[in-house]
């Protein structure tokens, strides 16, 4: 009986260890909301309870993969220049395999930039601290 208890104990430890250290993978695609074209180089971050847990950048085909993530519920935020930032809340990540719940559509957004002041540069007649060979007219 003692040997059977030891085997069962070791088996339970092995199962508990695998469950505790299970890691999930979040995959998704980021596309343009109007044209439905994939968007490359979009920044995607994963947050849980206001704390960043991971991040990635989309590839040329608009897909991304964030790993390793502890199984649970996450918020996904995607941002890209020329598009509005989108946050998708409550995406579930499973312990095994890939969790494909991170598909996001970004809406093009027009951003007005502030005023730019243009100042002309003029070369000073005498520049201190430089040895100059030649002359200025």
N, C-alpha and C. Protein backbone atom coordinates (compact mmCIF):
# COMPACT_ATOMS: atom_id res chain seq x y z
N UNK A 1 0.82 -1.20 0.00
CA UNK A 1 0.00 0.00 0.00
C UNK A 1 0.87 1.26 0.00
N UNK A 2 1.95 1.23 0.70
CA UNK A 2 2.81 2.38 0.82
C UNK A 2 3.35 2.81 -0.56
N UNK A 3 3.71 1.85 -1.39
CA UNK A 3 4.24 2.15 -2.72
C UNK A 3 3.15 2.77 -3.59
N UNK A 4 1.93 2.31 -3.49
CA UNK A 4 0.81 2.84 -4.25
C UNK A 4 0.53 4.30 -3.85
N UNK A 5 0.63 4.60 -2.56
CA UNK A 5 0.42 5.98 -2.09
C UNK A 5 1.50 6.91 -2.63
N UNK A 6 2.73 6.43 -2.67
CA UNK A 6 3.82 7.24 -3.20
C UNK A 6 3.64 7.54 -4.69
N UNK A 7 3.21 6.54 -5.43
CA UNK A 7 2.98 6.73 -6.86
C UNK A 7 1.84 7.71 -7.09
N UNK A 8 0.74 7.57 -6.34
CA UNK A 8 -0.38 8.50 -6.46
C UNK A 8 0.02 9.92 -6.06
N UNK A 9 0.82 10.05 -5.03
CA UNK A 9 1.29 11.36 -4.58
C UNK A 9 2.15 12.01 -5.66
N UNK A 10 3.06 11.26 -6.24
CA UNK A 10 3.93 11.78 -7.30
C UNK A 10 3.11 12.18 -8.54
N UNK A 11 2.12 11.37 -8.86
CA UNK A 11 1.25 11.67 -9.99
C UNK A 11 0.45 12.95 -9.75
N UNK A 12 -0.06 13.12 -8.53
CA UNK A 12 -0.80 14.34 -8.19
C UNK A 12 0.11 15.58 -8.27
N UNK A 13 1.32 15.47 -7.78
CA UNK A 13 2.27 16.59 -7.87
C UNK A 13 2.56 16.95 -9.32
N UNK A 14 2.70 15.95 -10.16
CA UNK A 14 2.98 16.17 -11.56
C UNK A 14 1.80 16.89 -12.24
N UNK A 15 0.61 16.47 -11.97
CA UNK A 15 -0.58 17.09 -12.57
C UNK A 15 -0.76 18.52 -12.06
N UNK A 16 -0.60 18.73 -10.78
CA UNK A 16 -0.74 20.07 -10.20
C UNK A 16 0.33 21.00 -10.76
N UNK A 17 1.55 20.51 -10.91
CA UNK A 17 2.63 21.32 -11.46
C UNK A 17 2.34 21.75 -12.89
N UNK A 18 1.79 20.85 -13.69
CA UNK A 18 1.45 21.19 -15.08
C UNK A 18 0.33 22.21 -15.14
N UNK A 19 -0.65 22.10 -14.27
CA UNK A 19 -1.77 23.04 -14.27
C UNK A 19 -1.31 24.41 -13.79
N UNK A 20 -0.46 24.47 -12.77
CA UNK A 20 0.00 25.74 -12.22
C UNK A 20 0.87 26.51 -13.21
N UNK A 21 1.66 25.83 -13.98
CA UNK A 21 2.58 26.49 -14.90
C UNK A 21 2.10 26.45 -16.35
N UNK A 22 0.82 26.24 -16.55
CA UNK A 22 0.27 26.24 -17.90
C UNK A 22 0.35 27.66 -18.47
N UNK A 23 0.75 27.75 -19.70
CA UNK A 23 0.91 29.05 -20.36
C UNK A 23 0.02 29.07 -21.60
N UNK A 24 -0.58 30.22 -21.84
CA UNK A 24 -1.43 30.38 -23.01
C UNK A 24 -0.80 31.29 -24.04
N UNK A 25 -1.34 31.24 -25.25
CA UNK A 25 -0.87 32.06 -26.35
C UNK A 25 -2.07 32.79 -26.94
N UNK A 26 -1.95 34.09 -27.10
CA UNK A 26 -3.01 34.89 -27.70
C UNK A 26 -2.62 35.25 -29.12
N UNK A 27 -3.49 34.95 -30.07
CA UNK A 27 -3.23 35.28 -31.46
C UNK A 27 -4.38 36.14 -31.99
N UNK A 28 -4.10 36.90 -33.02
CA UNK A 28 -5.14 37.72 -33.61
C UNK A 28 -4.66 38.41 -34.86
N UNK A 29 -5.57 39.13 -35.49
CA UNK A 29 -5.29 39.88 -36.70
C UNK A 29 -5.84 41.29 -36.54
N UNK A 30 -5.09 42.27 -37.01
CA UNK A 30 -5.54 43.66 -36.98
C UNK A 30 -5.78 44.09 -38.43
N UNK A 31 -7.01 44.58 -38.70
CA UNK A 31 -7.37 44.99 -40.05
C UNK A 31 -7.96 46.40 -40.05
N UNK A 32 -7.98 47.02 -41.21
CA UNK A 32 -8.62 48.31 -41.41
C UNK A 32 -10.13 48.09 -41.44
N UNK A 33 -10.87 48.88 -40.68
CA UNK A 33 -12.31 48.68 -40.55
C UNK A 33 -13.04 48.92 -41.87
N UNK A 34 -12.57 49.85 -42.67
CA UNK A 34 -13.26 50.19 -43.91
C UNK A 34 -12.86 49.30 -45.08
N UNK A 35 -11.56 49.10 -45.27
CA UNK A 35 -11.09 48.35 -46.43
C UNK A 35 -10.93 46.86 -46.16
N UNK A 36 -10.91 46.48 -44.89
CA UNK A 36 -10.72 45.08 -44.46
C UNK A 36 -9.34 44.54 -44.84
N UNK A 37 -8.39 45.43 -45.08
CA UNK A 37 -7.01 45.05 -45.39
C UNK A 37 -6.24 44.86 -44.09
N UNK A 38 -5.31 43.88 -44.03
CA UNK A 38 -4.49 43.70 -42.83
C UNK A 38 -3.53 44.88 -42.65
N UNK A 39 -3.27 45.26 -41.41
CA UNK A 39 -2.39 46.39 -41.10
C UNK A 39 -1.08 45.88 -40.51
N UNK A 40 0.05 46.13 -41.17
CA UNK A 40 1.34 45.72 -40.62
C UNK A 40 1.86 46.74 -39.61
N UNK A 41 2.69 46.28 -38.70
CA UNK A 41 3.42 47.10 -37.72
C UNK A 41 2.52 47.83 -36.71
N UNK A 42 1.37 47.28 -36.39
CA UNK A 42 0.48 47.84 -35.37
C UNK A 42 0.98 47.38 -34.01
N UNK A 43 1.02 48.30 -33.03
CA UNK A 43 1.42 47.95 -31.66
C UNK A 43 0.22 47.37 -30.92
N UNK A 44 0.39 46.18 -30.36
CA UNK A 44 -0.67 45.50 -29.62
C UNK A 44 -0.14 45.17 -28.23
N UNK A 45 -0.86 45.61 -27.19
CA UNK A 45 -0.46 45.27 -25.82
C UNK A 45 -1.60 44.56 -25.11
N UNK A 46 -1.23 43.70 -24.18
CA UNK A 46 -2.20 42.94 -23.39
C UNK A 46 -2.12 43.43 -21.96
N UNK A 47 -3.28 43.77 -21.40
CA UNK A 47 -3.34 44.29 -20.04
C UNK A 47 -4.29 43.44 -19.20
N UNK A 48 -3.94 43.34 -17.92
CA UNK A 48 -4.80 42.63 -16.96
C UNK A 48 -4.81 43.45 -15.67
N UNK A 49 -5.99 43.88 -15.26
CA UNK A 49 -6.15 44.72 -14.07
C UNK A 49 -5.30 45.99 -14.14
N UNK A 50 -5.24 46.60 -15.32
CA UNK A 50 -4.50 47.85 -15.50
C UNK A 50 -3.00 47.70 -15.60
N UNK A 51 -2.50 46.49 -15.62
CA UNK A 51 -1.06 46.23 -15.69
C UNK A 51 -0.72 45.52 -17.00
N UNK A 52 0.31 46.02 -17.69
CA UNK A 52 0.69 45.41 -18.95
C UNK A 52 1.33 44.05 -18.72
N UNK A 53 0.84 43.03 -19.43
CA UNK A 53 1.34 41.67 -19.27
C UNK A 53 2.13 41.18 -20.48
N UNK A 54 2.05 41.89 -21.59
CA UNK A 54 2.78 41.48 -22.78
C UNK A 54 2.45 42.40 -23.93
N UNK A 55 3.16 42.20 -25.03
CA UNK A 55 2.93 43.02 -26.19
C UNK A 55 3.60 42.44 -27.42
N UNK A 56 3.17 42.94 -28.58
CA UNK A 56 3.74 42.49 -29.84
C UNK A 56 3.44 43.52 -30.91
N UNK A 57 4.01 43.28 -32.07
CA UNK A 57 3.76 44.12 -33.23
C UNK A 57 3.30 43.20 -34.35
N UNK A 58 2.30 43.64 -35.11
CA UNK A 58 1.79 42.79 -36.18
C UNK A 58 2.81 42.67 -37.30
N UNK A 59 2.75 41.54 -37.99
CA UNK A 59 3.63 41.29 -39.12
C UNK A 59 3.04 41.88 -40.39
N UNK A 60 3.63 41.55 -41.52
CA UNK A 60 3.18 42.07 -42.81
C UNK A 60 1.75 41.64 -43.14
N UNK A 61 1.33 40.50 -42.60
CA UNK A 61 -0.03 40.01 -42.87
C UNK A 61 -1.03 40.46 -41.81
N UNK A 62 -0.62 41.35 -40.90
CA UNK A 62 -1.52 41.89 -39.88
C UNK A 62 -1.74 40.99 -38.68
N UNK A 63 -1.04 39.87 -38.61
CA UNK A 63 -1.24 38.94 -37.48
C UNK A 63 -0.21 39.18 -36.39
N UNK A 64 -0.57 38.81 -35.17
CA UNK A 64 0.34 38.91 -34.04
C UNK A 64 0.16 37.70 -33.14
N UNK A 65 1.14 37.50 -32.28
CA UNK A 65 1.12 36.39 -31.32
C UNK A 65 1.80 36.87 -30.05
N UNK A 66 1.10 36.75 -28.92
CA UNK A 66 1.66 37.16 -27.64
C UNK A 66 1.71 35.95 -26.74
N UNK A 67 2.90 35.64 -26.26
CA UNK A 67 3.08 34.51 -25.35
C UNK A 67 4.26 34.77 -24.45
N UNK A 68 4.43 34.14 -23.37
CA UNK A 68 3.48 33.30 -22.65
C UNK A 68 2.55 34.15 -21.79
N UNK A 69 1.31 33.73 -21.69
CA UNK A 69 0.33 34.41 -20.85
C UNK A 69 -0.30 33.39 -19.90
N UNK A 70 -0.49 33.82 -18.68
CA UNK A 70 -1.18 32.97 -17.70
C UNK A 70 -2.64 32.92 -18.11
N UNK A 71 -3.28 31.76 -18.11
CA UNK A 71 -4.69 31.68 -18.49
C UNK A 71 -5.55 32.64 -17.68
N UNK A 72 -6.47 33.31 -18.36
CA UNK A 72 -7.34 34.27 -17.69
C UNK A 72 -7.98 35.21 -18.69
N UNK A 73 -8.50 36.32 -18.18
CA UNK A 73 -9.18 37.32 -19.00
C UNK A 73 -8.30 38.56 -19.13
N UNK A 74 -8.17 39.05 -20.34
CA UNK A 74 -7.29 40.18 -20.63
C UNK A 74 -8.01 41.25 -21.44
N UNK A 75 -7.43 42.47 -21.42
CA UNK A 75 -7.85 43.55 -22.29
C UNK A 75 -6.75 43.76 -23.31
N UNK A 76 -7.13 43.90 -24.59
CA UNK A 76 -6.15 44.06 -25.67
C UNK A 76 -6.28 45.47 -26.23
N UNK A 77 -5.15 46.17 -26.36
CA UNK A 77 -5.15 47.53 -26.90
C UNK A 77 -4.28 47.57 -28.14
N UNK A 78 -4.84 48.11 -29.23
CA UNK A 78 -4.10 48.24 -30.49
C UNK A 78 -4.01 49.71 -30.87
N UNK A 79 -2.81 50.15 -31.28
CA UNK A 79 -2.64 51.54 -31.68
C UNK A 79 -1.70 51.61 -32.89
N UNK A 80 -2.02 52.57 -33.77
CA UNK A 80 -1.26 52.73 -35.00
C UNK A 80 -1.42 54.17 -35.47
N UNK A 81 -0.37 54.76 -36.02
CA UNK A 81 -0.41 56.14 -36.49
C UNK A 81 -1.45 56.25 -37.61
N UNK A 82 -2.33 57.25 -37.50
CA UNK A 82 -3.36 57.46 -38.51
C UNK A 82 -4.64 56.72 -38.23
N UNK A 83 -4.67 55.96 -37.13
CA UNK A 83 -5.86 55.20 -36.74
C UNK A 83 -6.17 55.47 -35.27
N UNK A 84 -7.43 55.35 -34.91
CA UNK A 84 -7.82 55.50 -33.52
C UNK A 84 -7.39 54.29 -32.71
N UNK A 85 -7.07 54.51 -31.44
CA UNK A 85 -6.70 53.41 -30.55
C UNK A 85 -7.95 52.63 -30.17
N UNK A 86 -7.86 51.30 -30.19
CA UNK A 86 -8.99 50.43 -29.87
C UNK A 86 -8.60 49.53 -28.72
N UNK A 87 -9.51 49.38 -27.74
CA UNK A 87 -9.29 48.44 -26.64
C UNK A 87 -10.43 47.42 -26.65
N UNK A 88 -10.07 46.16 -26.71
CA UNK A 88 -11.03 45.06 -26.67
C UNK A 88 -10.95 44.43 -25.29
N UNK A 89 -12.06 44.43 -24.56
CA UNK A 89 -12.05 43.96 -23.17
C UNK A 89 -12.61 42.54 -23.06
N UNK A 90 -12.12 41.83 -22.05
CA UNK A 90 -12.67 40.52 -21.71
C UNK A 90 -12.29 39.39 -22.63
N UNK A 91 -11.10 39.43 -23.23
CA UNK A 91 -10.64 38.35 -24.11
C UNK A 91 -10.08 37.23 -23.24
N UNK A 92 -10.58 36.03 -23.44
CA UNK A 92 -10.15 34.89 -22.63
C UNK A 92 -8.97 34.17 -23.28
N UNK A 93 -7.99 33.84 -22.45
CA UNK A 93 -6.82 33.08 -22.89
C UNK A 93 -6.86 31.74 -22.17
N UNK A 94 -6.84 30.66 -22.95
CA UNK A 94 -6.91 29.30 -22.40
C UNK A 94 -5.52 28.80 -22.05
N UNK A 95 -5.48 27.75 -21.24
CA UNK A 95 -4.21 27.20 -20.78
C UNK A 95 -3.50 26.41 -21.87
N UNK A 96 -4.24 25.81 -22.76
CA UNK A 96 -3.62 24.99 -23.79
C UNK A 96 -3.94 25.52 -25.17
N UNK A 97 -3.00 25.43 -26.04
CA UNK A 97 -3.22 25.83 -27.43
C UNK A 97 -3.24 27.33 -27.61
N UNK A 98 -3.74 27.73 -28.76
CA UNK A 98 -3.80 29.14 -29.13
C UNK A 98 -5.20 29.67 -28.87
N UNK A 99 -5.29 30.87 -28.29
CA UNK A 99 -6.56 31.53 -28.06
C UNK A 99 -6.72 32.62 -29.12
N UNK A 100 -7.54 32.35 -30.10
CA UNK A 100 -7.73 33.29 -31.20
C UNK A 100 -8.95 34.15 -30.91
N UNK A 101 -8.77 35.13 -30.06
CA UNK A 101 -9.86 36.03 -29.74
C UNK A 101 -9.45 37.47 -29.89
N UNK A 102 -8.25 37.68 -30.41
CA UNK A 102 -7.71 39.02 -30.46
C UNK A 102 -7.84 39.73 -31.78
N UNK A 103 -8.85 39.39 -32.59
CA UNK A 103 -9.04 40.09 -33.86
C UNK A 103 -9.58 41.49 -33.60
N UNK A 104 -8.94 42.51 -34.22
CA UNK A 104 -9.29 43.90 -33.96
C UNK A 104 -9.41 44.65 -35.29
N UNK A 105 -10.41 45.54 -35.37
CA UNK A 105 -10.58 46.40 -36.53
C UNK A 105 -10.28 47.84 -36.10
N UNK A 106 -9.34 48.49 -36.81
CA UNK A 106 -8.99 49.88 -36.51
C UNK A 106 -9.67 50.81 -37.51
N UNK A 107 -10.16 51.93 -37.01
CA UNK A 107 -10.84 52.92 -37.82
C UNK A 107 -9.88 54.05 -38.16
N UNK A 108 -9.73 54.39 -39.46
CA UNK A 108 -8.85 55.52 -39.83
C UNK A 108 -9.34 56.80 -39.16
N UNK A 109 -8.39 57.59 -38.69
CA UNK A 109 -8.73 58.81 -37.95
C UNK A 109 -7.85 59.95 -38.43
N UNK A 110 -8.48 61.09 -38.68
CA UNK A 110 -7.73 62.27 -39.10
C UNK A 110 -7.29 63.02 -37.86
N UNK A 111 -6.01 63.34 -37.79
CA UNK A 111 -5.47 64.08 -36.66
C UNK A 111 -4.89 65.40 -37.16
N UNK A 112 -5.33 66.49 -36.58
CA UNK A 112 -4.79 67.79 -36.94
C UNK A 112 -3.55 68.06 -36.09
N UNK A 113 -2.47 68.40 -36.77
CA UNK A 113 -1.24 68.71 -36.06
C UNK A 113 -1.23 70.18 -35.68
N UNK A 114 -0.44 70.52 -34.68
CA UNK A 114 -0.35 71.89 -34.22
C UNK A 114 0.41 72.78 -35.19
N UNK A 115 0.45 74.06 -34.89
CA UNK A 115 1.10 75.05 -35.72
C UNK A 115 2.62 74.86 -35.68
N UNK A 116 3.26 75.08 -36.83
CA UNK A 116 4.71 74.96 -36.93
C UNK A 116 5.28 76.34 -37.25
N UNK A 117 6.28 76.77 -36.47
CA UNK A 117 6.94 78.05 -36.72
C UNK A 117 8.23 77.79 -37.46
N UNK A 118 8.42 78.47 -38.60
CA UNK A 118 9.63 78.32 -39.41
C UNK A 118 10.53 79.51 -39.15
N UNK A 119 11.79 79.24 -38.76
CA UNK A 119 12.77 80.28 -38.49
C UNK A 119 13.94 80.06 -39.43
N UNK A 120 14.39 81.13 -40.09
CA UNK A 120 15.49 81.03 -41.03
C UNK A 120 16.82 81.03 -40.28
N UNK A 121 17.70 80.14 -40.68
CA UNK A 121 19.03 80.06 -40.09
C UNK A 121 19.97 80.97 -40.85
N UNK A 122 20.79 81.74 -40.13
CA UNK A 122 21.79 82.58 -40.78
C UNK A 122 23.16 82.24 -40.20
N UNK A 123 24.15 82.16 -41.06
CA UNK A 123 25.51 81.83 -40.65
C UNK A 123 26.10 83.05 -39.97
N UNK A 124 26.64 82.91 -38.74
CA UNK A 124 27.23 84.07 -38.07
C UNK A 124 28.51 84.52 -38.78
N UNK A 125 28.76 85.85 -38.72
CA UNK A 125 29.94 86.42 -39.37
C UNK A 125 31.21 85.91 -38.71
N UNK A 126 31.24 85.91 -37.41
CA UNK A 126 32.39 85.39 -36.65
C UNK A 126 31.88 84.31 -35.73
N UNK A 127 32.52 83.16 -35.80
CA UNK A 127 32.12 82.03 -34.98
C UNK A 127 33.23 81.75 -33.98
N UNK A 128 32.94 81.92 -32.70
CA UNK A 128 33.97 81.74 -31.66
C UNK A 128 34.33 80.27 -31.53
N UNK A 129 35.62 80.02 -31.28
CA UNK A 129 36.08 78.68 -30.97
C UNK A 129 36.39 77.82 -32.18
N UNK A 130 36.38 78.36 -33.38
CA UNK A 130 36.70 77.56 -34.56
C UNK A 130 37.83 78.22 -35.32
N UNK A 131 38.72 77.37 -35.79
CA UNK A 131 39.82 77.88 -36.63
C UNK A 131 39.35 77.77 -38.07
N UNK A 132 39.38 78.89 -38.76
CA UNK A 132 38.85 78.93 -40.11
C UNK A 132 39.96 79.27 -41.09
N UNK A 133 40.08 78.50 -42.13
CA UNK A 133 41.03 78.85 -43.18
C UNK A 133 40.22 79.31 -44.36
N UNK A 134 40.37 80.53 -44.72
CA UNK A 134 39.57 81.09 -45.78
C UNK A 134 38.88 82.33 -45.28
N UNK A 135 38.08 82.90 -46.09
CA UNK A 135 37.42 84.13 -45.68
C UNK A 135 35.97 84.15 -46.16
N UNK A 136 35.22 85.03 -45.55
CA UNK A 136 33.83 85.20 -45.94
C UNK A 136 33.68 86.55 -46.57
N UNK A 137 32.87 86.61 -47.55
CA UNK A 137 32.63 87.89 -48.20
C UNK A 137 31.19 88.29 -47.94
